[in-house]
C-alpha cells in the first residue's frame, strides 16, 4: 500500500506527517494563491470551496499543516492571514 507524506525541510527536525491527497491539493492550492497574490487573506469557506472539500476538512488540514510549520495562520475575525512555507515536498512510500 502506498502512503503519502508531507515533509517540511525548513525546520531542524524536518517535520514529516502522513497525509492524503486532500492535504496535498490544499497545500498546492494555497501555494498557487501565494504565487499569484502574495499573502493570503481568506475565510475557511473560500479556501474549502477553492479546493472542493468540506470546511471541516479544510480546518483540520490547515491546523495540521500549521502545527508542522508548513503554513502560518493568523486570525482576524472570520478571516485568516496565511503564508506558505516553500521548503515542503510530498513523498510516497510503499509500505
PDB file of N, CA and C in Angstrom:
ATOM      1  N   UNK A   1       0.833  -1.173   0.000  1.00  0.00           N
ATOM      2  CA  UNK A   1       0.000   0.000   0.000  1.00  0.00           C
ATOM      3  C   UNK A   1       0.886   1.247   0.000  1.00  0.00           C
ATOM      4  N   UNK A   2       0.561   2.211  -0.820  1.00  0.00           N
ATOM      5  CA  UNK A   2       1.316   3.459  -0.891  1.00  0.00           C
ATOM      6  C   UNK A   2       0.853   4.414   0.197  1.00  0.00           C
ATOM      7  N   UNK A   3       1.805   5.118   0.804  1.00  0.00           N
ATOM      8  CA  UNK A   3       1.497   6.149   1.784  1.00  0.00           C
ATOM      9  C   UNK A   3       2.108   7.454   1.317  1.00  0.00           C
ATOM     10  N   UNK A   4       1.384   8.532   1.544  1.00  0.00           N
ATOM     11  CA  UNK A   4       1.821   9.862   1.147  1.00  0.00           C
ATOM     12  C   UNK A   4       2.239  10.625   2.402  1.00  0.00           C
ATOM     13  N   UNK A   5       3.405  11.258   2.341  1.00  0.00           N
ATOM     14  CA  UNK A   5       3.912  12.044   3.460  1.00  0.00           C
ATOM     15  C   UNK A   5       4.214  13.454   3.011  1.00  0.00           C
ATOM     16  N   UNK A   6       3.962  14.398   3.901  1.00  0.00           N
ATOM     17  CA  UNK A   6       4.330  15.778   3.701  1.00  0.00           C
ATOM     18  C   UNK A   6       5.605  15.996   4.513  1.00  0.00           C
ATOM     19  N   UNK A   7       6.638  16.498   3.889  1.00  0.00           N
ATOM     20  CA  UNK A   7       7.932  16.695   4.530  1.00  0.00           C
ATOM     21  C   UNK A   7       8.292  18.174   4.510  1.00  0.00           C
ATOM     22  N   UNK A   8       8.457  18.753   5.703  1.00  0.00           N
ATOM     23  CA  UNK A   8       8.870  20.144   5.836  1.00  0.00           C
ATOM     24  C   UNK A   8      10.371  20.150   6.055  1.00  0.00           C
ATOM     25  N   UNK A   9      11.113  20.561   5.056  1.00  0.00           N
ATOM     26  CA  UNK A   9      12.567  20.504   5.099  1.00  0.00           C
ATOM     27  C   UNK A   9      13.197  21.757   5.686  1.00  0.00           C
ATOM     28  N   UNK A  10      12.406  22.753   6.036  1.00  0.00           N
ATOM     29  CA  UNK A  10      12.978  24.010   6.516  1.00  0.00           C
ATOM     30  C   UNK A  10      13.251  24.011   8.015  1.00  0.00           C
ATOM     31  N   UNK A  11      12.687  23.084   8.748  1.00  0.00           N
ATOM     32  CA  UNK A  11      12.912  23.049  10.191  1.00  0.00           C
ATOM     33  C   UNK A  11      14.058  22.109  10.507  1.00  0.00           C
ATOM     34  N   UNK A  12      14.687  22.312  11.638  1.00  0.00           N
ATOM     35  CA  UNK A  12      15.823  21.470  12.016  1.00  0.00           C
ATOM     36  C   UNK A  12      15.388  20.030  12.283  1.00  0.00           C
ATOM     37  N   UNK A  13      14.133  19.834  12.664  1.00  0.00           N
ATOM     38  CA  UNK A  13      13.644  18.486  12.941  1.00  0.00           C
ATOM     39  C   UNK A  13      13.004  17.835  11.722  1.00  0.00           C
ATOM     40  N   UNK A  14      12.889  18.553  10.624  1.00  0.00           N
ATOM     41  CA  UNK A  14      12.282  18.034   9.385  1.00  0.00           C
ATOM     42  C   UNK A  14      10.952  17.335   9.685  1.00  0.00           C
ATOM     43  N   UNK A  15       9.930  18.133   9.989  1.00  0.00           N
ATOM     44  CA  UNK A  15       8.610  17.574  10.261  1.00  0.00           C
ATOM     45  C   UNK A  15       8.171  16.684   9.100  1.00  0.00           C
ATOM     46  N   UNK A  16       7.690  15.520   9.412  1.00  0.00           N
ATOM     47  CA  UNK A  16       7.141  14.622   8.411  1.00  0.00           C
ATOM     48  C   UNK A  16       5.828  14.101   8.954  1.00  0.00           C
ATOM     49  N   UNK A  17       4.750  14.312   8.214  1.00  0.00           N
ATOM     50  CA  UNK A  17       3.443  13.834   8.645  1.00  0.00           C
ATOM     51  C   UNK A  17       2.816  13.018   7.526  1.00  0.00           C
ATOM     52  N   UNK A  18       2.109  11.984   7.930  1.00  0.00           N
ATOM     53  CA  UNK A  18       1.364  11.205   6.947  1.00  0.00           C
ATOM     54  C   UNK A  18       0.151  12.033   6.549  1.00  0.00           C
ATOM     55  N   UNK A  19      -0.116  12.097   5.270  1.00  0.00           N
ATOM     56  CA  UNK A  19      -1.237  12.902   4.805  1.00  0.00           C
ATOM     57  C   UNK A  19      -1.957  12.146   3.694  1.00  0.00           C
ATOM     58  N   UNK A  20      -2.854  12.825   3.036  1.00  0.00           N
ATOM     59  CA  UNK A  20      -3.569  12.232   1.906  1.00  0.00           C
ATOM     60  C   UNK A  20      -3.617  13.245   0.764  1.00  0.00           C
ATOM     61  N   UNK A  21      -4.255  12.873  -0.300  1.00  0.00           N
ATOM     62  CA  UNK A  21      -4.282  13.748  -1.472  1.00  0.00           C
ATOM     63  C   UNK A  21      -5.054  15.040  -1.209  1.00  0.00           C
ATOM     64  N   UNK A  22      -5.978  15.021  -0.248  1.00  0.00           N
ATOM     65  CA  UNK A  22      -6.705  16.246   0.096  1.00  0.00           C
ATOM     66  C   UNK A  22      -5.737  17.272   0.673  1.00  0.00           C
ATOM     67  N   UNK A  23      -4.880  16.831   1.577  1.00  0.00           N
ATOM     68  CA  UNK A  23      -3.857  17.711   2.154  1.00  0.00           C
ATOM     69  C   UNK A  23      -2.946  18.241   1.051  1.00  0.00           C
ATOM     70  N   UNK A  24      -2.548  17.372   0.145  1.00  0.00           N
ATOM     71  CA  UNK A  24      -1.667  17.772  -0.955  1.00  0.00           C
ATOM     72  C   UNK A  24      -2.353  18.807  -1.845  1.00  0.00           C
ATOM     73  N   UNK A  25      -3.616  18.580  -2.186  1.00  0.00           N
ATOM     74  CA  UNK A  25      -4.353  19.547  -3.009  1.00  0.00           C
ATOM     75  C   UNK A  25      -4.501  20.884  -2.294  1.00  0.00           C
ATOM     76  N   UNK A  26      -4.772  20.839  -0.989  1.00  0.00           N
ATOM     77  CA  UNK A  26      -4.931  22.059  -0.206  1.00  0.00           C
ATOM     78  C   UNK A  26      -3.620  22.851  -0.188  1.00  0.00           C
ATOM     79  N   UNK A  27      -2.512  22.171   0.056  1.00  0.00           N
ATOM     80  CA  UNK A  27      -1.210  22.848   0.063  1.00  0.00           C
ATOM     81  C   UNK A  27      -0.930  23.469  -1.313  1.00  0.00           C
ATOM     82  N   UNK A  28      -1.144  22.715  -2.370  1.00  0.00           N
ATOM     83  CA  UNK A  28      -0.872  23.230  -3.722  1.00  0.00           C
ATOM     84  C   UNK A  28      -1.772  24.407  -4.069  1.00  0.00           C
ATOM     85  N   UNK A  29      -3.021  24.375  -3.612  1.00  0.00           N
ATOM     86  CA  UNK A  29      -3.945  25.493  -3.842  1.00  0.00           C
ATOM     87  C   UNK A  29      -3.437  26.747  -3.127  1.00  0.00           C
ATOM     88  N   UNK A  30      -3.052  26.600  -1.853  1.00  0.00           N
ATOM     89  CA  UNK A  30      -2.548  27.746  -1.099  1.00  0.00           C
ATOM     90  C   UNK A  30      -1.261  28.279  -1.723  1.00  0.00           C
ATOM     91  N   UNK A  31      -0.365  27.386  -2.118  1.00  0.00           N
ATOM     92  CA  UNK A  31       0.899  27.807  -2.736  1.00  0.00           C
ATOM     93  C   UNK A  31       0.643  28.558  -4.041  1.00  0.00           C
ATOM     94  N   UNK A  32      -0.345  28.124  -4.829  1.00  0.00           N
ATOM     95  CA  UNK A  32      -0.638  28.824  -6.082  1.00  0.00           C
ATOM     96  C   UNK A  32      -1.233  30.202  -5.811  1.00  0.00           C
ATOM     97  N   UNK A  33      -2.053  30.329  -4.767  1.00  0.00           N
ATOM     98  CA  UNK A  33      -2.601  31.643  -4.418  1.00  0.00           C
ATOM     99  C   UNK A  33      -1.491  32.589  -3.972  1.00  0.00           C
ATOM    100  N   UNK A  34      -0.525  32.062  -3.213  1.00  0.00           N
ATOM    101  CA  UNK A  34       0.611  32.873  -2.769  1.00  0.00           C
ATOM    102  C   UNK A  34       1.403  33.369  -3.974  1.00  0.00           C
ATOM    103  N   UNK A  35       1.650  32.487  -4.944  1.00  0.00           N
ATOM    104  CA  UNK A  35       2.413  32.881  -6.132  1.00  0.00           C
ATOM    105  C   UNK A  35       1.690  33.970  -6.909  1.00  0.00           C
ATOM    106  N   UNK A  36       0.344  33.894  -6.957  1.00  0.00           N
ATOM    107  CA  UNK A  36      -0.431  34.854  -7.730  1.00  0.00           C
ATOM    108  C   UNK A  36      -0.665  36.168  -7.000  1.00  0.00           C
ATOM    109  N   UNK A  37      -0.867  36.107  -5.668  1.00  0.00           N
ATOM    110  CA  UNK A  37      -1.336  37.289  -4.942  1.00  0.00           C
ATOM    111  C   UNK A  37      -0.488  37.686  -3.741  1.00  0.00           C
ATOM    112  N   UNK A  38       0.558  36.960  -3.431  1.00  0.00           N
ATOM    113  CA  UNK A  38       1.322  37.253  -2.215  1.00  0.00           C
ATOM    114  C   UNK A  38       0.634  36.646  -1.011  1.00  0.00           C
ATOM    115  N   UNK A  39       0.601  37.360   0.087  1.00  0.00           N
ATOM    116  CA  UNK A  39      -0.019  36.851   1.311  1.00  0.00           C
ATOM    117  C   UNK A  39      -1.520  36.645   1.097  1.00  0.00           C
ATOM    118  N   UNK A  40      -2.046  35.586   1.659  1.00  0.00           N
ATOM    119  CA  UNK A  40      -3.465  35.255   1.505  1.00  0.00           C
ATOM    120  C   UNK A  40      -4.249  35.775   2.695  1.00  0.00           C
ATOM    121  N   UNK A  41      -5.372  36.419   2.446  1.00  0.00           N
ATOM    122  CA  UNK A  41      -6.358  36.733   3.478  1.00  0.00           C
ATOM    123  C   UNK A  41      -7.663  36.126   2.982  1.00  0.00           C
ATOM    124  N   UNK A  42      -8.137  35.126   3.716  1.00  0.00           N
ATOM    125  CA  UNK A  42      -9.293  34.393   3.240  1.00  0.00           C
ATOM    126  C   UNK A  42     -10.054  33.762   4.400  1.00  0.00           C
ATOM    127  N   UNK A  43     -11.267  33.331   4.110  1.00  0.00           N
ATOM    128  CA  UNK A  43     -12.039  32.557   5.078  1.00  0.00           C
ATOM    129  C   UNK A  43     -11.824  31.080   4.767  1.00  0.00           C
ATOM    130  N   UNK A  44     -12.121  30.251   5.744  1.00  0.00           N
ATOM    131  CA  UNK A  44     -12.008  28.802   5.534  1.00  0.00           C
ATOM    132  C   UNK A  44     -12.968  28.370   4.440  1.00  0.00           C
ATOM    133  N   UNK A  45     -14.140  29.000   4.369  1.00  0.00           N
ATOM    134  CA  UNK A  45     -15.124  28.646   3.342  1.00  0.00           C
ATOM    135  C   UNK A  45     -14.569  28.898   1.942  1.00  0.00           C
ATOM    136  N   UNK A  46     -13.930  30.037   1.726  1.00  0.00           N
ATOM    137  CA  UNK A  46     -13.365  30.327   0.402  1.00  0.00           C
ATOM    138  C   UNK A  46     -12.267  29.339   0.045  1.00  0.00           C
ATOM    139  N   UNK A  47     -11.446  28.988   1.027  1.00  0.00           N
ATOM    140  CA  UNK A  47     -10.371  28.018   0.771  1.00  0.00           C
ATOM    141  C   UNK A  47     -10.954  26.650   0.461  1.00  0.00           C
ATOM    142  N   UNK A  48     -11.931  26.214   1.263  1.00  0.00           N
ATOM    143  CA  UNK A  48     -12.516  24.886   1.039  1.00  0.00           C
ATOM    144  C   UNK A  48     -13.243  24.828  -0.301  1.00  0.00           C
ATOM    145  N   UNK A  49     -13.921  25.907  -0.679  1.00  0.00           N
ATOM    146  CA  UNK A  49     -14.590  25.950  -1.984  1.00  0.00           C
ATOM    147  C   UNK A  49     -13.573  25.882  -3.123  1.00  0.00           C
ATOM    148  N   UNK A  50     -12.433  26.539  -2.963  1.00  0.00           N
ATOM    149  CA  UNK A  50     -11.402  26.531  -3.999  1.00  0.00           C
ATOM    150  C   UNK A  50     -10.798  25.159  -4.213  1.00  0.00           C
ATOM    151  N   UNK A  51     -10.750  24.353  -3.159  1.00  0.00           N
ATOM    152  CA  UNK A  51     -10.169  23.014  -3.259  1.00  0.00           C
ATOM    153  C   UNK A  51     -11.240  21.963  -3.529  1.00  0.00           C
ATOM    154  N   UNK A  52     -12.493  22.290  -3.185  1.00  0.00           N
ATOM    155  CA  UNK A  52     -13.586  21.344  -3.380  1.00  0.00           C
ATOM    156  C   UNK A  52     -13.713  20.345  -2.248  1.00  0.00           C
ATOM    157  N   UNK A  53     -13.446  20.810  -1.023  1.00  0.00           N
ATOM    158  CA  UNK A  53     -13.574  19.940   0.156  1.00  0.00           C
ATOM    159  C   UNK A  53     -14.469  20.627   1.183  1.00  0.00           C
ATOM    160  N   UNK A  54     -14.815  19.902   2.232  1.00  0.00           N
ATOM    161  CA  UNK A  54     -15.670  20.471   3.268  1.00  0.00           C
ATOM    162  C   UNK A  54     -14.893  21.485   4.105  1.00  0.00           C
ATOM    163  N   UNK A  55     -15.625  22.384   4.755  1.00  0.00           N
ATOM    164  CA  UNK A  55     -14.975  23.362   5.627  1.00  0.00           C
ATOM    165  C   UNK A  55     -14.279  22.670   6.796  1.00  0.00           C
ATOM    166  N   UNK A  56     -14.907  21.637   7.348  1.00  0.00           N
ATOM    167  CA  UNK A  56     -14.287  20.939   8.479  1.00  0.00           C
ATOM    168  C   UNK A  56     -13.012  20.224   8.048  1.00  0.00           C
ATOM    169  N   UNK A  57     -13.007  19.663   6.850  1.00  0.00           N
ATOM    170  CA  UNK A  57     -11.796  19.029   6.320  1.00  0.00           C
ATOM    171  C   UNK A  57     -10.695  20.044   6.090  1.00  0.00           C
ATOM    172  N   UNK A  58     -11.052  21.212   5.572  1.00  0.00           N
ATOM    173  CA  UNK A  58     -10.069  22.270   5.350  1.00  0.00           C
ATOM    174  C   UNK A  58      -9.500  22.749   6.680  1.00  0.00           C
ATOM    175  N   UNK A  59     -10.376  22.955   7.677  1.00  0.00           N
ATOM    176  CA  UNK A  59      -9.908  23.378   9.002  1.00  0.00           C
ATOM    177  C   UNK A  59      -8.945  22.356   9.599  1.00  0.00           C
ATOM    178  N   UNK A  60      -9.304  21.093   9.494  1.00  0.00           N
ATOM    179  CA  UNK A  60      -8.471  20.011  10.035  1.00  0.00           C
ATOM    180  C   UNK A  60      -7.071  20.046   9.428  1.00  0.00           C
ATOM    181  N   UNK A  61      -6.988  20.055   8.098  1.00  0.00           N
ATOM    182  CA  UNK A  61      -5.681  20.020   7.448  1.00  0.00           C
ATOM    183  C   UNK A  61      -4.919  21.324   7.614  1.00  0.00           C
ATOM    184  N   UNK A  62      -5.600  22.455   7.680  1.00  0.00           N
ATOM    185  CA  UNK A  62      -4.914  23.723   7.937  1.00  0.00           C
ATOM    186  C   UNK A  62      -4.233  23.691   9.307  1.00  0.00           C
ATOM    187  N   UNK A  63      -4.934  23.172  10.313  1.00  0.00           N
ATOM    188  CA  UNK A  63      -4.346  23.098  11.653  1.00  0.00           C
ATOM    189  C   UNK A  63      -3.188  22.110  11.715  1.00  0.00           C
ATOM    190  N   UNK A  64      -3.305  20.983  11.010  1.00  0.00           N
ATOM    191  CA  UNK A  64      -2.206  20.016  10.960  1.00  0.00           C
ATOM    192  C   UNK A  64      -0.989  20.656  10.290  1.00  0.00           C
ATOM    193  N   UNK A  65      -1.212  21.343   9.178  1.00  0.00           N
ATOM    194  CA  UNK A  65      -0.099  21.977   8.468  1.00  0.00           C
ATOM    195  C   UNK A  65       0.503  23.119   9.289  1.00  0.00           C
ATOM    196  N   UNK A  66      -0.327  23.820  10.056  1.00  0.00           N
ATOM    197  CA  UNK A  66       0.190  24.877  10.931  1.00  0.00           C
ATOM    198  C   UNK A  66       1.086  24.267  12.006  1.00  0.00           C
ATOM    199  N   UNK A  67       0.647  23.178  12.627  1.00  0.00           N
ATOM    200  CA  UNK A  67       1.446  22.519  13.664  1.00  0.00           C
ATOM    201  C   UNK A  67       2.773  21.988  13.124  1.00  0.00           C
ATOM    202  N   UNK A  68       2.807  21.608  11.858  1.00  0.00           N
ATOM    203  CA  UNK A  68       4.035  21.097  11.238  1.00  0.00           C
ATOM    204  C   UNK A  68       4.873  22.216  10.618  1.00  0.00           C
ATOM    205  N   UNK A  69       4.502  23.469  10.875  1.00  0.00           N
ATOM    206  CA  UNK A  69       5.213  24.649  10.365  1.00  0.00           C
ATOM    207  C   UNK A  69       5.250  24.706   8.836  1.00  0.00           C
ATOM    208  N   UNK A  70       4.227  24.150   8.205  1.00  0.00           N
ATOM    209  CA  UNK A  70       4.116  24.206   6.746  1.00  0.00           C
ATOM    210  C   UNK A  70       3.477  25.526   6.323  1.00  0.00           C
ATOM    211  N   UNK A  71       2.549  26.009   7.139  1.00  0.00           N
ATOM    212  CA  UNK A  71       1.907  27.304   6.909  1.00  0.00           C
ATOM    213  C   UNK A  71       1.892  28.071   8.223  1.00  0.00           C
ATOM    214  N   UNK A  72       1.705  29.377   8.114  1.00  0.00           N
ATOM    215  CA  UNK A  72       1.405  30.183   9.297  1.00  0.00           C
ATOM    216  C   UNK A  72       0.022  30.768   9.082  1.00  0.00           C
ATOM    217  N   UNK A  73      -0.735  30.838  10.166  1.00  0.00           N
ATOM    218  CA  UNK A  73      -2.087  31.388  10.095  1.00  0.00           C
ATOM    219  C   UNK A  73      -2.270  32.364  11.248  1.00  0.00           C
ATOM    220  N   UNK A  74      -2.843  33.510  10.919  1.00  0.00           N
ATOM    221  CA  UNK A  74      -3.180  34.481  11.946  1.00  0.00           C
ATOM    222  C   UNK A  74      -4.628  34.892  11.726  1.00  0.00           C
ATOM    223  N   UNK A  75      -5.433  34.759  12.760  1.00  0.00           N
ATOM    224  CA  UNK A  75      -6.860  35.025  12.628  1.00  0.00           C
ATOM    225  C   UNK A  75      -7.167  36.494  12.845  1.00  0.00           C
ATOM    226  N   UNK A  76      -8.030  37.036  11.978  1.00  0.00           N
ATOM    227  CA  UNK A  76      -8.543  38.405  12.086  1.00  0.00           C
ATOM    228  C   UNK A  76     -10.048  38.326  11.868  1.00  0.00           C
ATOM    229  N   UNK A  77     -10.809  38.147  12.944  1.00  0.00           N
ATOM    230  CA  UNK A  77     -12.250  37.969  12.813  1.00  0.00           C
ATOM    231  C   UNK A  77     -12.540  36.651  12.118  1.00  0.00           C
ATOM    232  N   UNK A  78     -13.281  36.697  11.022  1.00  0.00           N
ATOM    233  CA  UNK A  78     -13.568  35.452  10.293  1.00  0.00           C
ATOM    234  C   UNK A  78     -12.518  35.156   9.226  1.00  0.00           C
ATOM    235  N   UNK A  79     -11.566  36.077   9.047  1.00  0.00           N
ATOM    236  CA  UNK A  79     -10.523  35.894   8.042  1.00  0.00           C
ATOM    237  C   UNK A  79      -9.232  35.399   8.668  1.00  0.00           C
ATOM    238  N   UNK A  80      -8.434  34.697   7.856  1.00  0.00           N
ATOM    239  CA  UNK A  80      -7.103  34.257   8.251  1.00  0.00           C
ATOM    240  C   UNK A  80      -6.094  34.843   7.285  1.00  0.00           C
ATOM    241  N   UNK A  81      -4.981  35.326   7.824  1.00  0.00           N
ATOM    242  CA  UNK A  81      -3.827  35.667   7.004  1.00  0.00           C
ATOM    243  C   UNK A  81      -2.954  34.424   6.982  1.00  0.00           C
ATOM    244  N   UNK A  82      -2.639  33.943   5.798  1.00  0.00           N
ATOM    245  CA  UNK A  82      -1.910  32.687   5.653  1.00  0.00           C
ATOM    246  C   UNK A  82      -0.671  32.919   4.797  1.00  0.00           C
ATOM    247  N   UNK A  83       0.441  32.371   5.242  1.00  0.00           N
ATOM    248  CA  UNK A  83       1.647  32.309   4.418  1.00  0.00           C
ATOM    249  C   UNK A  83       2.038  30.842   4.302  1.00  0.00           C
ATOM    250  N   UNK A  84       2.691  30.505   3.217  1.00  0.00           N
ATOM    251  CA  UNK A  84       3.028  29.115   2.911  1.00  0.00           C
ATOM    252  C   UNK A  84       4.546  28.958   2.875  1.00  0.00           C
ATOM    253  N   UNK A  85       5.033  27.914   3.526  1.00  0.00           N
ATOM    254  CA  UNK A  85       6.452  27.579   3.513  1.00  0.00           C
ATOM    255  C   UNK A  85       6.770  26.885   2.187  1.00  0.00           C
ATOM    256  N   UNK A  86       7.788  27.369   1.481  1.00  0.00           N
ATOM    257  CA  UNK A  86       8.142  26.801   0.181  1.00  0.00           C
ATOM    258  C   UNK A  86       8.984  25.533   0.275  1.00  0.00           C
ATOM    259  N   UNK A  87       9.598  25.290   1.417  1.00  0.00           N
ATOM    260  CA  UNK A  87      10.505  24.137   1.568  1.00  0.00           C
ATOM    261  C   UNK A  87       9.743  22.887   1.986  1.00  0.00           C
ATOM    262  N   UNK A  88       8.706  22.571   1.245  1.00  0.00           N
ATOM    263  CA  UNK A  88       7.848  21.425   1.544  1.00  0.00           C
ATOM    264  C   UNK A  88       7.809  20.509   0.335  1.00  0.00           C
ATOM    265  N   UNK A  89       7.858  19.222   0.589  1.00  0.00           N
ATOM    266  CA  UNK A  89       7.725  18.270  -0.510  1.00  0.00           C
ATOM    267  C   UNK A  89       6.804  17.143  -0.075  1.00  0.00           C
ATOM    268  N   UNK A  90       6.281  16.465  -1.050  1.00  0.00           N
ATOM    269  CA  UNK A  90       5.421  15.309  -0.799  1.00  0.00           C
ATOM    270  C   UNK A  90       6.160  14.078  -1.306  1.00  0.00           C
ATOM    271  N   UNK A  91       6.216  13.064  -0.463  1.00  0.00           N
ATOM    272  CA  UNK A  91       6.904  11.823  -0.844  1.00  0.00           C
ATOM    273  C   UNK A  91       5.941  10.651  -0.684  1.00  0.00           C
ATOM    274  N   UNK A  92       6.120   9.661  -1.513  1.00  0.00           N
ATOM    275  CA  UNK A  92       5.302   8.458  -1.459  1.00  0.00           C
ATOM    276  C   UNK A  92       6.207   7.267  -1.126  1.00  0.00           C
ATOM    277  N   UNK A  93       5.725   6.428  -0.218  1.00  0.00           N
ATOM    278  CA  UNK A  93       6.471   5.221   0.124  1.00  0.00           C
ATOM    279  C   UNK A  93       5.578   4.016  -0.069  1.00  0.00           C
ATOM    280  N   UNK A  94       6.180   2.873  -0.306  1.00  0.00           N
ATOM    281  CA  UNK A  94       5.444   1.626  -0.414  1.00  0.00           C
ATOM    282  C   UNK A  94       5.591   0.880   0.907  1.00  0.00           C
ATOM    283  N   UNK A  95       4.521   0.793   1.646  1.00  0.00           N
ATOM    284  CA  UNK A  95       4.542   0.068   2.933  1.00  0.00           C
ATOM    285  C   UNK A  95       3.508  -1.041   2.913  1.00  0.00           C
TER     286      UNK A  95
END
